[in-house]
Amino acid sequence: MDILEQSDDDIRIIAEKIWDDMVKGANSRDWEIYSQHMLVESITEQARAGVEHQWQYSKMFSSLTQEREFMGVLKQMDHVLVLWKQWSTKVEGDFLVMLYLKSIEDDVKVIGSWIR
């Protein structure tokens, strides 16, 4: 399944399942859950240390709500970018989530994520 050939609605469904797992992993500070959809080569000790640092020092990054507002899908050269408005249970305000997804063989993997 090439994610670039999917409709925005289908991409949204795929991305929501992945982001649900990432939120669950972030909120429980569980690297295994958080990283399960990442590329194998991206699951490094350096990446883990960076994420764990954010969990330790950012209240927002470990208190994400399951509720979010879908904003759209951007199809780019070899990947898609899914955008949401996200909230925290501990930090007021709106946050922008960008989840970069790419088809690798018959699977969809996270090649990047950003929340601000």
PDB file of N, CA and C in Angstrom:
ATOM      1  N   MET A   1       0.834  -1.169   0.000  1.00  0.00           N
ATOM      2  CA  MET A   1       0.000   0.000   0.000  1.00  0.00           C
ATOM      3  C   MET A   1       0.890   1.247   0.000  1.00  0.00           C
ATOM      4  N   ASP A   2       0.840   2.024  -1.046  1.00  0.00           N
ATOM      5  CA  ASP A   2       1.582   3.273  -1.117  1.00  0.00           C
ATOM      6  C   ASP A   2       0.703   4.377  -0.542  1.00  0.00           C
ATOM      7  N   ILE A   3       1.168   4.990   0.508  1.00  0.00           N
ATOM      8  CA  ILE A   3       0.367   6.007   1.187  1.00  0.00           C
ATOM      9  C   ILE A   3       0.054   7.186   0.269  1.00  0.00           C
ATOM     10  N   LEU A   4       0.918   7.457  -0.685  1.00  0.00           N
ATOM     11  CA  LEU A   4       0.679   8.565  -1.609  1.00  0.00           C
ATOM     12  C   LEU A   4      -0.511   8.307  -2.526  1.00  0.00           C
ATOM     13  N   GLU A   5      -0.896   7.058  -2.683  1.00  0.00           N
ATOM     14  CA  GLU A   5      -2.027   6.706  -3.541  1.00  0.00           C
ATOM     15  C   GLU A   5      -3.345   6.630  -2.762  1.00  0.00           C
ATOM     16  N   GLN A   6      -3.291   6.839  -1.457  1.00  0.00           N
ATOM     17  CA  GLN A   6      -4.478   6.784  -0.613  1.00  0.00           C
ATOM     18  C   GLN A   6      -5.200   8.126  -0.615  1.00  0.00           C
ATOM     19  N   SER A   7      -6.497   8.090  -0.357  1.00  0.00           N
ATOM     20  CA  SER A   7      -7.259   9.331  -0.215  1.00  0.00           C
ATOM     21  C   SER A   7      -6.874  10.005   1.106  1.00  0.00           C
ATOM     22  N   ASP A   8      -7.172  11.283   1.230  1.00  0.00           N
ATOM     23  CA  ASP A   8      -6.898  11.994   2.482  1.00  0.00           C
ATOM     24  C   ASP A   8      -7.627  11.343   3.650  1.00  0.00           C
ATOM     25  N   ASP A   9      -8.852  10.873   3.427  1.00  0.00           N
ATOM     26  CA  ASP A   9      -9.605  10.209   4.500  1.00  0.00           C
ATOM     27  C   ASP A   9      -8.914   8.915   4.931  1.00  0.00           C
ATOM     28  N   ASP A  10      -8.418   8.138   3.975  1.00  0.00           N
ATOM     29  CA  ASP A  10      -7.717   6.896   4.314  1.00  0.00           C
ATOM     30  C   ASP A  10      -6.402   7.188   5.035  1.00  0.00           C
ATOM     31  N   ILE A  11      -5.704   8.219   4.593  1.00  0.00           N
ATOM     32  CA  ILE A  11      -4.458   8.614   5.257  1.00  0.00           C
ATOM     33  C   ILE A  11      -4.755   9.057   6.684  1.00  0.00           C
ATOM     34  N   ARG A  12      -5.818   9.795   6.847  1.00  0.00           N
ATOM     35  CA  ARG A  12      -6.208  10.252   8.191  1.00  0.00           C
ATOM     36  C   ARG A  12      -6.441   9.065   9.122  1.00  0.00           C
ATOM     37  N   ILE A  13      -7.139   8.053   8.660  1.00  0.00           N
ATOM     38  CA  ILE A  13      -7.410   6.862   9.483  1.00  0.00           C
ATOM     39  C   ILE A  13      -6.112   6.175   9.889  1.00  0.00           C
ATOM     40  N   ILE A  14      -5.205   6.006   8.933  1.00  0.00           N
ATOM     41  CA  ILE A  14      -3.906   5.379   9.216  1.00  0.00           C
ATOM     42  C   ILE A  14      -3.124   6.225  10.218  1.00  0.00           C
ATOM     43  N   ALA A  15      -3.070   7.525   9.954  1.00  0.00           N
ATOM     44  CA  ALA A  15      -2.288   8.429  10.800  1.00  0.00           C
ATOM     45  C   ALA A  15      -2.852   8.519  12.210  1.00  0.00           C
ATOM     46  N   GLU A  16      -4.172   8.500  12.347  1.00  0.00           N
ATOM     47  CA  GLU A  16      -4.766   8.586  13.679  1.00  0.00           C
ATOM     48  C   GLU A  16      -4.398   7.383  14.533  1.00  0.00           C
ATOM     49  N   LYS A  17      -4.361   6.197  13.948  1.00  0.00           N
ATOM     50  CA  LYS A  17      -3.959   5.007  14.710  1.00  0.00           C
ATOM     51  C   LYS A  17      -2.513   5.129  15.170  1.00  0.00           C
ATOM     52  N   ILE A  18      -1.668   5.612  14.280  1.00  0.00           N
ATOM     53  CA  ILE A  18      -0.252   5.787  14.631  1.00  0.00           C
ATOM     54  C   ILE A  18      -0.100   6.856  15.710  1.00  0.00           C
ATOM     55  N   TRP A  19      -0.754   8.004  15.530  1.00  0.00           N
ATOM     56  CA  TRP A  19      -0.627   9.084  16.518  1.00  0.00           C
ATOM     57  C   TRP A  19      -1.224   8.681  17.860  1.00  0.00           C
ATOM     58  N   ASP A  20      -2.316   7.909  17.854  1.00  0.00           N
ATOM     59  CA  ASP A  20      -2.876   7.396  19.108  1.00  0.00           C
ATOM     60  C   ASP A  20      -1.812   6.627  19.892  1.00  0.00           C
ATOM     61  N   ASP A  21      -1.076   5.763  19.205  1.00  0.00           N
ATOM     62  CA  ASP A  21      -0.013   4.999  19.866  1.00  0.00           C
ATOM     63  C   ASP A  21       1.101   5.908  20.365  1.00  0.00           C
ATOM     64  N   MET A  22       1.459   6.894  19.562  1.00  0.00           N
ATOM     65  CA  MET A  22       2.526   7.806  19.980  1.00  0.00           C
ATOM     66  C   MET A  22       2.101   8.631  21.193  1.00  0.00           C
ATOM     67  N   VAL A  23       0.845   9.074  21.235  1.00  0.00           N
ATOM     68  CA  VAL A  23       0.336   9.818  22.395  1.00  0.00           C
ATOM     69  C   VAL A  23       0.334   8.907  23.623  1.00  0.00           C
ATOM     70  N   LYS A  24      -0.131   7.689  23.452  1.00  0.00           N
ATOM     71  CA  LYS A  24      -0.148   6.735  24.568  1.00  0.00           C
ATOM     72  C   LYS A  24       1.274   6.507  25.092  1.00  0.00           C
ATOM     73  N   GLY A  25       2.230   6.330  24.188  1.00  0.00           N
ATOM     74  CA  GLY A  25       3.622   6.139  24.593  1.00  0.00           C
ATOM     75  C   GLY A  25       4.201   7.375  25.260  1.00  0.00           C
ATOM     76  N   ALA A  26       3.893   8.550  24.712  1.00  0.00           N
ATOM     77  CA  ALA A  26       4.413   9.793  25.296  1.00  0.00           C
ATOM     78  C   ALA A  26       3.849  10.021  26.689  1.00  0.00           C
ATOM     79  N   ASN A  27       2.545   9.838  26.832  1.00  0.00           N
ATOM     80  CA  ASN A  27       1.913  10.090  28.131  1.00  0.00           C
ATOM     81  C   ASN A  27       2.366   9.103  29.197  1.00  0.00           C
ATOM     82  N   SER A  28       2.658   7.884  28.799  1.00  0.00           N
ATOM     83  CA  SER A  28       3.133   6.880  29.770  1.00  0.00           C
ATOM     84  C   SER A  28       4.663   6.820  29.811  1.00  0.00           C
ATOM     85  N   ARG A  29       5.296   7.663  28.997  1.00  0.00           N
ATOM     86  CA  ARG A  29       6.764   7.711  28.901  1.00  0.00           C
ATOM     87  C   ARG A  29       7.335   6.331  28.588  1.00  0.00           C
ATOM     88  N   ASP A  30       6.701   5.686  27.627  1.00  0.00           N
ATOM     89  CA  ASP A  30       7.067   4.326  27.233  1.00  0.00           C
ATOM     90  C   ASP A  30       7.642   4.362  25.813  1.00  0.00           C
ATOM     91  N   TRP A  31       8.953   4.260  25.718  1.00  0.00           N
ATOM     92  CA  TRP A  31       9.651   4.338  24.440  1.00  0.00           C
ATOM     93  C   TRP A  31       9.201   3.251  23.468  1.00  0.00           C
ATOM     94  N   GLU A  32       8.972   2.055  23.954  1.00  0.00           N
ATOM     95  CA  GLU A  32       8.570   0.945  23.078  1.00  0.00           C
ATOM     96  C   GLU A  32       7.249   1.252  22.378  1.00  0.00           C
ATOM     97  N   ILE A  33       6.288   1.768  23.105  1.00  0.00           N
ATOM     98  CA  ILE A  33       4.995   2.132  22.504  1.00  0.00           C
ATOM     99  C   ILE A  33       5.174   3.341  21.589  1.00  0.00           C
ATOM    100  N   TYR A  34       5.882   4.339  22.072  1.00  0.00           N
ATOM    101  CA  TYR A  34       6.066   5.574  21.323  1.00  0.00           C
ATOM    102  C   TYR A  34       6.747   5.328  19.973  1.00  0.00           C
ATOM    103  N   SER A  35       7.721   4.444  19.933  1.00  0.00           N
ATOM    104  CA  SER A  35       8.555   4.268  18.740  1.00  0.00           C
ATOM    105  C   SER A  35       8.126   3.110  17.830  1.00  0.00           C
ATOM    106  N   GLN A  36       7.057   2.419  18.149  1.00  0.00           N
ATOM    107  CA  GLN A  36       6.720   1.193  17.424  1.00  0.00           C
ATOM    108  C   GLN A  36       6.431   1.376  15.937  1.00  0.00           C
ATOM    109  N   HIS A  37       6.077   2.574  15.491  1.00  0.00           N
ATOM    110  CA  HIS A  37       5.785   2.803  14.078  1.00  0.00           C
ATOM    111  C   HIS A  37       6.928   3.498  13.339  1.00  0.00           C
ATOM    112  N   MET A  38       8.049   3.686  14.022  1.00  0.00           N
ATOM    113  CA  MET A  38       9.185   4.375  13.409  1.00  0.00           C
ATOM    114  C   MET A  38      10.003   3.408  12.553  1.00  0.00           C
ATOM    115  N   LEU A  39      10.784   3.986  11.658  1.00  0.00           N
ATOM    116  CA  LEU A  39      11.733   3.199  10.886  1.00  0.00           C
ATOM    117  C   LEU A  39      12.727   2.549  11.836  1.00  0.00           C
ATOM    118  N   VAL A  40      13.095   1.327  11.566  1.00  0.00           N
ATOM    119  CA  VAL A  40      14.039   0.614  12.436  1.00  0.00           C
ATOM    120  C   VAL A  40      15.324   1.420  12.615  1.00  0.00           C
ATOM    121  N   GLU A  41      15.812   2.004  11.529  1.00  0.00           N
ATOM    122  CA  GLU A  41      17.069   2.761  11.619  1.00  0.00           C
ATOM    123  C   GLU A  41      16.920   4.068  12.397  1.00  0.00           C
ATOM    124  N   SER A  42      15.693   4.486  12.674  1.00  0.00           N
ATOM    125  CA  SER A  42      15.459   5.699  13.469  1.00  0.00           C
ATOM    126  C   SER A  42      15.366   5.414  14.961  1.00  0.00           C
ATOM    127  N   ILE A  43      15.261   4.157  15.319  1.00  0.00           N
ATOM    128  CA  ILE A  43      15.112   3.783  16.727  1.00  0.00           C
ATOM    129  C   ILE A  43      16.507   3.575  17.308  1.00  0.00           C
ATOM    130  N   THR A  44      17.155   4.696  17.615  1.00  0.00           N
ATOM    131  CA  THR A  44      18.512   4.670  18.136  1.00  0.00           C
ATOM    132  C   THR A  44      18.522   5.124  19.588  1.00  0.00           C
ATOM    133  N   GLU A  45      19.623   4.874  20.240  1.00  0.00           N
ATOM    134  CA  GLU A  45      19.769   5.339  21.626  1.00  0.00           C
ATOM    135  C   GLU A  45      19.766   6.863  21.671  1.00  0.00           C
ATOM    136  N   GLN A  46      20.316   7.496  20.658  1.00  0.00           N
ATOM    137  CA  GLN A  46      20.323   8.964  20.604  1.00  0.00           C
ATOM    138  C   GLN A  46      18.890   9.500  20.470  1.00  0.00           C
ATOM    139  N   ALA A  47      18.095   8.882  19.605  1.00  0.00           N
ATOM    140  CA  ALA A  47      16.696   9.306  19.447  1.00  0.00           C
ATOM    141  C   ALA A  47      15.935   9.083  20.743  1.00  0.00           C
ATOM    142  N   ARG A  48      16.155   7.942  21.358  1.00  0.00           N
ATOM    143  CA  ARG A  48      15.476   7.643  22.615  1.00  0.00           C
ATOM    144  C   ARG A  48      15.840   8.672  23.681  1.00  0.00           C
ATOM    145  N   ALA A  49      17.121   8.992  23.784  1.00  0.00           N
ATOM    146  CA  ALA A  49      17.574   9.969  24.779  1.00  0.00           C
ATOM    147  C   ALA A  49      16.930  11.333  24.527  1.00  0.00           C
ATOM    148  N   GLY A  50      16.802  11.721  23.270  1.00  0.00           N
ATOM    149  CA  GLY A  50      16.170  13.001  22.939  1.00  0.00           C
ATOM    150  C   GLY A  50      14.710  13.051  23.346  1.00  0.00           C
ATOM    151  N   VAL A  51      13.998  11.968  23.084  1.00  0.00           N
ATOM    152  CA  VAL A  51      12.580  11.907  23.452  1.00  0.00           C
ATOM    153  C   VAL A  51      12.430  11.859  24.973  1.00  0.00           C
ATOM    154  N   GLU A  52      13.241  11.053  25.633  1.00  0.00           N
ATOM    155  CA  GLU A  52      13.163  10.979  27.093  1.00  0.00           C
ATOM    156  C   GLU A  52      13.499  12.324  27.732  1.00  0.00           C
ATOM    157  N   HIS A  53      14.394  13.084  27.134  1.00  0.00           N
ATOM    158  CA  HIS A  53      14.720  14.426  27.620  1.00  0.00           C
ATOM    159  C   HIS A  53      13.474  15.325  27.532  1.00  0.00           C
ATOM    160  N   GLN A  54      12.753  15.231  26.422  1.00  0.00           N
ATOM    161  CA  GLN A  54      11.522  16.021  26.271  1.00  0.00           C
ATOM    162  C   GLN A  54      10.482  15.606  27.303  1.00  0.00           C
ATOM    163  N   TRP A  55      10.362  14.304  27.544  1.00  0.00           N
ATOM    164  CA  TRP A  55       9.403  13.842  28.546  1.00  0.00           C
ATOM    165  C   TRP A  55       9.745  14.412  29.915  1.00  0.00           C
ATOM    166  N   GLN A  56      11.026  14.510  30.208  1.00  0.00           N
ATOM    167  CA  GLN A  56      11.453  14.986  31.516  1.00  0.00           C
ATOM    168  C   GLN A  56      11.236  16.496  31.677  1.00  0.00           C
ATOM    169  N   TYR A  57      11.472  17.257  30.619  1.00  0.00           N
ATOM    170  CA  TYR A  57      11.484  18.707  30.758  1.00  0.00           C
ATOM    171  C   TYR A  57      10.299  19.435  30.118  1.00  0.00           C
ATOM    172  N   SER A  58       9.449  18.729  29.395  1.00  0.00           N
ATOM    173  CA  SER A  58       8.298  19.374  28.762  1.00  0.00           C
ATOM    174  C   SER A  58       7.014  18.772  29.309  1.00  0.00           C
ATOM    175  N   LYS A  59       6.278  19.550  30.101  1.00  0.00           N
ATOM    176  CA  LYS A  59       5.009  19.061  30.643  1.00  0.00           C
ATOM    177  C   LYS A  59       4.042  18.707  29.524  1.00  0.00           C
ATOM    178  N   MET A  60       4.070  19.487  28.458  1.00  0.00           N
ATOM    179  CA  MET A  60       3.146  19.268  27.350  1.00  0.00           C
ATOM    180  C   MET A  60       3.369  17.910  26.689  1.00  0.00           C
ATOM    181  N   PHE A  61       4.619  17.533  26.487  1.00  0.00           N
ATOM    182  CA  PHE A  61       4.936  16.340  25.699  1.00  0.00           C
ATOM    183  C   PHE A  61       4.531  15.035  26.385  1.00  0.00           C
ATOM    184  N   SER A  62       4.254  15.083  27.662  1.00  0.00           N
ATOM    185  CA  SER A  62       3.821  13.857  28.358  1.00  0.00           C
ATOM    186  C   SER A  62       2.414  14.017  28.951  1.00  0.00           C
ATOM    187  N   SER A  63       1.662  14.969  28.405  1.00  0.00           N
ATOM    188  CA  SER A  63       0.285  15.175  28.883  1.00  0.00           C
ATOM    189  C   SER A  63      -0.642  15.524  27.711  1.00  0.00           C
ATOM    190  N   LEU A  64      -0.478  14.804  26.616  1.00  0.00           N
ATOM    191  CA  LEU A  64      -1.278  15.069  25.415  1.00  0.00           C
ATOM    192  C   LEU A  64      -2.671  14.468  25.563  1.00  0.00           C
ATOM    193  N   THR A  65      -3.660  15.197  25.072  1.00  0.00           N
ATOM    194  CA  THR A  65      -5.021  14.673  25.105  1.00  0.00           C
ATOM    195  C   THR A  65      -5.227  13.713  23.932  1.00  0.00           C
ATOM    196  N   GLN A  66      -6.177  12.809  24.091  1.00  0.00           N
ATOM    197  CA  GLN A  66      -6.550  11.958  22.960  1.00  0.00           C
ATOM    198  C   GLN A  66      -7.359  12.767  21.949  1.00  0.00           C
ATOM    199  N   GLU A  67      -7.969  13.828  22.424  1.00  0.00           N
ATOM    200  CA  GLU A  67      -8.745  14.704  21.552  1.00  0.00           C
ATOM    201  C   GLU A  67      -7.791  15.595  20.759  1.00  0.00           C
ATOM    202  N   ARG A  68      -8.086  15.761  19.472  1.00  0.00           N
ATOM    203  CA  ARG A  68      -7.305  16.631  18.608  1.00  0.00           C
ATOM    204  C   ARG A  68      -8.185  17.023  17.432  1.00  0.00           C
ATOM    205  N   GLU A  69      -7.762  18.026  16.715  1.00  0.00           N
ATOM    206  CA  GLU A  69      -8.525  18.492  15.556  1.00  0.00           C
ATOM    207  C   GLU A  69      -7.705  18.266  14.293  1.00  0.00           C
ATOM    208  N   PHE A  70      -8.230  17.449  13.390  1.00  0.00           N
ATOM    209  CA  PHE A  70      -7.568  17.172  12.122  1.00  0.00           C
ATOM    210  C   PHE A  70      -7.540  18.446  11.288  1.00  0.00           C
ATOM    211  N   MET A  71      -6.377  18.758  10.719  1.00  0.00           N
ATOM    212  CA  MET A  71      -6.239  19.968   9.922  1.00  0.00           C
ATOM    213  C   MET A  71      -6.001  19.679   8.443  1.00  0.00           C
ATOM    214  N   GLY A  72      -5.387  18.532   8.132  1.00  0.00           N
ATOM    215  CA  GLY A  72      -5.191  18.240   6.716  1.00  0.00           C
ATOM    216  C   GLY A  72      -4.036  17.303   6.445  1.00  0.00           C
ATOM    217  N   VAL A  73      -3.917  16.966   5.161  1.00  0.00           N
ATOM    218  CA  VAL A  73      -2.859  16.091   4.660  1.00  0.00           C
ATOM    219  C   VAL A  73      -2.150  16.831   3.530  1.00  0.00           C
ATOM    220  N   LEU A  74      -0.841  16.825   3.572  1.00  0.00           N
ATOM    221  CA  LEU A  74      -0.035  17.365   2.482  1.00  0.00           C
ATOM    222  C   LEU A  74       0.744  16.210   1.862  1.00  0.00           C
ATOM    223  N   LYS A  75       0.555  15.984   0.584  1.00  0.00           N
ATOM    224  CA  LYS A  75       1.305  14.939  -0.115  1.00  0.00           C
ATOM    225  C   LYS A  75       2.543  15.578  -0.710  1.00  0.00           C
ATOM    226  N   GLN A  76       3.695  14.998  -0.389  1.00  0.00           N
ATOM    227  CA  GLN A  76       4.948  15.535  -0.883  1.00  0.00           C
ATOM    228  C   GLN A  76       5.627  14.484  -1.751  1.00  0.00           C
ATOM    229  N   MET A  77       6.861  14.675  -2.108  1.00  0.00           N
ATOM    230  CA  MET A  77       7.514  13.824  -3.111  1.00  0.00           C
ATOM    231  C   MET A  77       7.390  12.328  -2.815  1.00  0.00           C
ATOM    232  N   ASP A  78       7.812  11.912  -1.633  1.00  0.00           N
ATOM    233  CA  ASP A  78       7.795  10.479  -1.324  1.00  0.00           C
ATOM    234  C   ASP A  78       7.156  10.176   0.026  1.00  0.00           C
ATOM    235  N   HIS A  79       6.471  11.167   0.591  1.00  0.00           N
ATOM    236  CA  HIS A  79       5.850  10.987   1.901  1.00  0.00           C
ATOM    237  C   HIS A  79       4.643  11.914   2.028  1.00  0.00           C
ATOM    238  N   VAL A  80       3.912  11.737   3.116  1.00  0.00           N
ATOM    239  CA  VAL A  80       2.801  12.638   3.424  1.00  0.00           C
ATOM    240  C   VAL A  80       3.057  13.289   4.771  1.00  0.00           C
ATOM    241  N   LEU A  81       2.461  14.419   4.943  1.00  0.00           N
ATOM    242  CA  LEU A  81       2.539  15.162   6.189  1.00  0.00           C
ATOM    243  C   LEU A  81       1.104  15.337   6.678  1.00  0.00           C
ATOM    244  N   VAL A  82       0.823  14.838   7.875  1.00  0.00           N
ATOM    245  CA  VAL A  82      -0.514  14.939   8.454  1.00  0.00           C
ATOM    246  C   VAL A  82      -0.457  15.965   9.582  1.00  0.00           C
ATOM    247  N   LEU A  83      -1.435  16.879   9.585  1.00  0.00           N
ATOM    248  CA  LEU A  83      -1.437  17.988  10.539  1.00  0.00           C
ATOM    249  C   LEU A  83      -2.658  17.923  11.447  1.00  0.00           C
ATOM    250  N   TRP A  84      -2.416  18.169  12.744  1.00  0.00           N
ATOM    251  CA  TRP A  84      -3.492  18.257  13.723  1.00  0.00           C
ATOM    252  C   TRP A  84      -3.256  19.440  14.645  1.00  0.00           C
ATOM    253  N   LYS A  85      -4.342  19.934  15.223  1.00  0.00           N
ATOM    254  CA  LYS A  85      -4.276  20.827  16.378  1.00  0.00           C
ATOM    255  C   LYS A  85      -4.413  19.909  17.585  1.00  0.00           C
ATOM    256  N   GLN A  86      -3.505  20.028  18.538  1.00  0.00           N
ATOM    257  CA  GLN A  86      -3.421  19.120  19.682  1.00  0.00           C
ATOM    258  C   GLN A  86      -3.474  19.932  20.961  1.00  0.00           C
ATOM    259  N   TRP A  87      -3.955  19.309  22.029  1.00  0.00           N
ATOM    260  CA  TRP A  87      -4.009  19.955  23.338  1.00  0.00           C
ATOM    261  C   TRP A  87      -3.316  19.100  24.385  1.00  0.00           C
ATOM    262  N   SER A  88      -3.082  19.725  25.517  1.00  0.00           N
ATOM    263  CA  SER A  88      -2.432  19.094  26.661  1.00  0.00           C
ATOM    264  C   SER A  88      -3.352  19.206  27.872  1.00  0.00           C
ATOM    265  N   THR A  89      -3.244  18.255  28.772  1.00  0.00           N
ATOM    266  CA  THR A  89      -4.012  18.320  30.007  1.00  0.00           C
ATOM    267  C   THR A  89      -3.325  19.200  31.053  1.00  0.00           C
ATOM    268  N   LYS A  90      -2.057  19.585  30.811  1.00  0.00           N
ATOM    269  CA  LYS A  90      -1.309  20.356  31.805  1.00  0.00           C
ATOM    270  C   LYS A  90      -0.819  21.716  31.321  1.00  0.00           C
ATOM    271  N   VAL A  91      -0.803  21.915  30.012  1.00  0.00           N
ATOM    272  CA  VAL A  91      -0.299  23.169  29.462  1.00  0.00           C
ATOM    273  C   VAL A  91      -1.398  23.774  28.589  1.00  0.00           C
ATOM    274  N   GLU A  92      -1.745  25.016  28.878  1.00  0.00           N
ATOM    275  CA  GLU A  92      -2.816  25.665  28.119  1.00  0.00           C
ATOM    276  C   GLU A  92      -2.345  26.047  26.724  1.00  0.00           C
ATOM    277  N   GLY A  93      -3.292  26.076  25.801  1.00  0.00           N
ATOM    278  CA  GLY A  93      -2.997  26.530  24.454  1.00  0.00           C
ATOM    279  C   GLY A  93      -3.169  25.427  23.422  1.00  0.00           C
ATOM    280  N   ASP A  94      -2.997  25.824  22.183  1.00  0.00           N
ATOM    281  CA  ASP A  94      -3.081  24.910  21.050  1.00  0.00           C
ATOM    282  C   ASP A  94      -1.665  24.578  20.587  1.00  0.00           C
ATOM    283  N   PHE A  95      -1.481  23.340  20.170  1.00  0.00           N
ATOM    284  CA  PHE A  95      -0.187  22.903  19.665  1.00  0.00           C
ATOM    285  C   PHE A  95      -0.370  22.300  18.285  1.00  0.00           C
ATOM    286  N   LEU A  96       0.594  22.502  17.420  1.00  0.00           N
ATOM    287  CA  LEU A  96       0.558  21.957  16.076  1.00  0.00           C
ATOM    288  C   LEU A  96       1.353  20.656  16.044  1.00  0.00           C
ATOM    289  N   VAL A  97       0.706  19.599  15.548  1.00  0.00           N
ATOM    290  CA  VAL A  97       1.365  18.310  15.361  1.00  0.00           C
ATOM    291  C   VAL A  97       1.579  18.105  13.874  1.00  0.00           C
ATOM    292  N   MET A  98       2.797  17.701  13.513  1.00  0.00           N
ATOM    293  CA  MET A  98       3.102  17.308  12.143  1.00  0.00           C
ATOM    294  C   MET A  98       3.669  15.895  12.193  1.00  0.00           C
ATOM    295  N   LEU A  99       3.012  14.988  11.515  1.00  0.00           N
ATOM    296  CA  LEU A  99       3.439  13.594  11.474  1.00  0.00           C
ATOM    297  C   LEU A  99       3.800  13.257  10.035  1.00  0.00           C
ATOM    298  N   TYR A 100       5.059  12.905   9.816  1.00  0.00           N
ATOM    299  CA  TYR A 100       5.558  12.566   8.493  1.00  0.00           C
ATOM    300  C   TYR A 100       5.487  11.053   8.326  1.00  0.00           C
ATOM    301  N   LEU A 101       4.778  10.597   7.291  1.00  0.00           N
ATOM    302  CA  LEU A 101       4.588   9.165   7.058  1.00  0.00           C
ATOM    303  C   LEU A 101       5.062   8.789   5.657  1.00  0.00           C
ATOM    304  N   LYS A 102       5.636   7.594   5.565  1.00  0.00           N
ATOM    305  CA  LYS A 102       6.147   7.109   4.283  1.00  0.00           C
ATOM    306  C   LYS A 102       5.859   5.617   4.165  1.00  0.00           C
ATOM    307  N   SER A 103       5.536   5.192   2.956  1.00  0.00           N
ATOM    308  CA  SER A 103       5.350   3.762   2.704  1.00  0.00           C
ATOM    309  C   SER A 103       6.715   3.107   2.560  1.00  0.00           C
ATOM    310  N   ILE A 104       6.908   2.057   3.329  1.00  0.00           N
ATOM    311  CA  ILE A 104       8.127   1.257   3.264  1.00  0.00           C
ATOM    312  C   ILE A 104       7.662  -0.174   3.033  1.00  0.00           C
ATOM    313  N   GLU A 105       7.939  -0.674   1.827  1.00  0.00           N
ATOM    314  CA  GLU A 105       7.422  -1.977   1.408  1.00  0.00           C
ATOM    315  C   GLU A 105       5.905  -1.968   1.573  1.00  0.00           C
ATOM    316  N   ASP A 106       5.341  -2.826   2.399  1.00  0.00           N
ATOM    317  CA  ASP A 106       3.883  -2.885   2.557  1.00  0.00           C
ATOM    318  C   ASP A 106       3.411  -2.253   3.856  1.00  0.00           C
ATOM    319  N   ASP A 107       4.211  -1.376   4.424  1.00  0.00           N
ATOM    320  CA  ASP A 107       3.862  -0.788   5.714  1.00  0.00           C
ATOM    321  C   ASP A 107       4.015   0.731   5.645  1.00  0.00           C
ATOM    322  N   VAL A 108       3.352   1.416   6.554  1.00  0.00           N
ATOM    323  CA  VAL A 108       3.490   2.866   6.678  1.00  0.00           C
ATOM    324  C   VAL A 108       4.297   3.127   7.938  1.00  0.00           C
ATOM    325  N   LYS A 109       5.355   3.913   7.790  1.00  0.00           N
ATOM    326  CA  LYS A 109       6.245   4.195   8.910  1.00  0.00           C
ATOM    327  C   LYS A 109       6.343   5.694   9.160  1.00  0.00           C
ATOM    328  N   VAL A 110       6.628   6.035  10.405  1.00  0.00           N
ATOM    329  CA  VAL A 110       6.885   7.418  10.796  1.00  0.00           C
ATOM    330  C   VAL A 110       8.327   7.733  10.421  1.00  0.00           C
ATOM    331  N   ILE A 111       8.493   8.756   9.602  1.00  0.00           N
ATOM    332  CA  ILE A 111       9.858   9.191   9.265  1.00  0.00           C
ATOM    333  C   ILE A 111      10.193  10.502   9.963  1.00  0.00           C
ATOM    334  N   GLY A 112       9.233  11.031  10.695  1.00  0.00           N
ATOM    335  CA  GLY A 112       9.470  12.235  11.457  1.00  0.00           C
ATOM    336  C   GLY A 112       8.199  12.694  12.139  1.00  0.00           C
ATOM    337  N   SER A 113       8.356  13.409  13.214  1.00  0.00           N
ATOM    338  CA  SER A 113       7.207  14.002  13.900  1.00  0.00           C
ATOM    339  C   SER A 113       7.677  15.276  14.572  1.00  0.00           C
ATOM    340  N   TRP A 114       6.730  16.184  14.738  1.00  0.00           N
ATOM    341  CA  TRP A 114       7.050  17.471  15.314  1.00  0.00           C
ATOM    342  C   TRP A 114       5.823  17.992  16.009  1.00  0.00           C
ATOM    343  N   ILE A 115       6.000  18.513  17.197  1.00  0.00           N
ATOM    344  CA  ILE A 115       4.884  19.127  17.913  1.00  0.00           C
ATOM    345  C   ILE A 115       5.389  20.424  18.526  1.00  0.00           C
ATOM    346  N   ARG A 116       4.634  21.454  18.306  1.00  0.00           N
ATOM    347  CA  ARG A 116       5.045  22.766  18.783  1.00  0.00           C
ATOM    348  C   ARG A 116       3.828  23.560  19.178  1.00  0.00           C
TER     349      ARG A 116
END
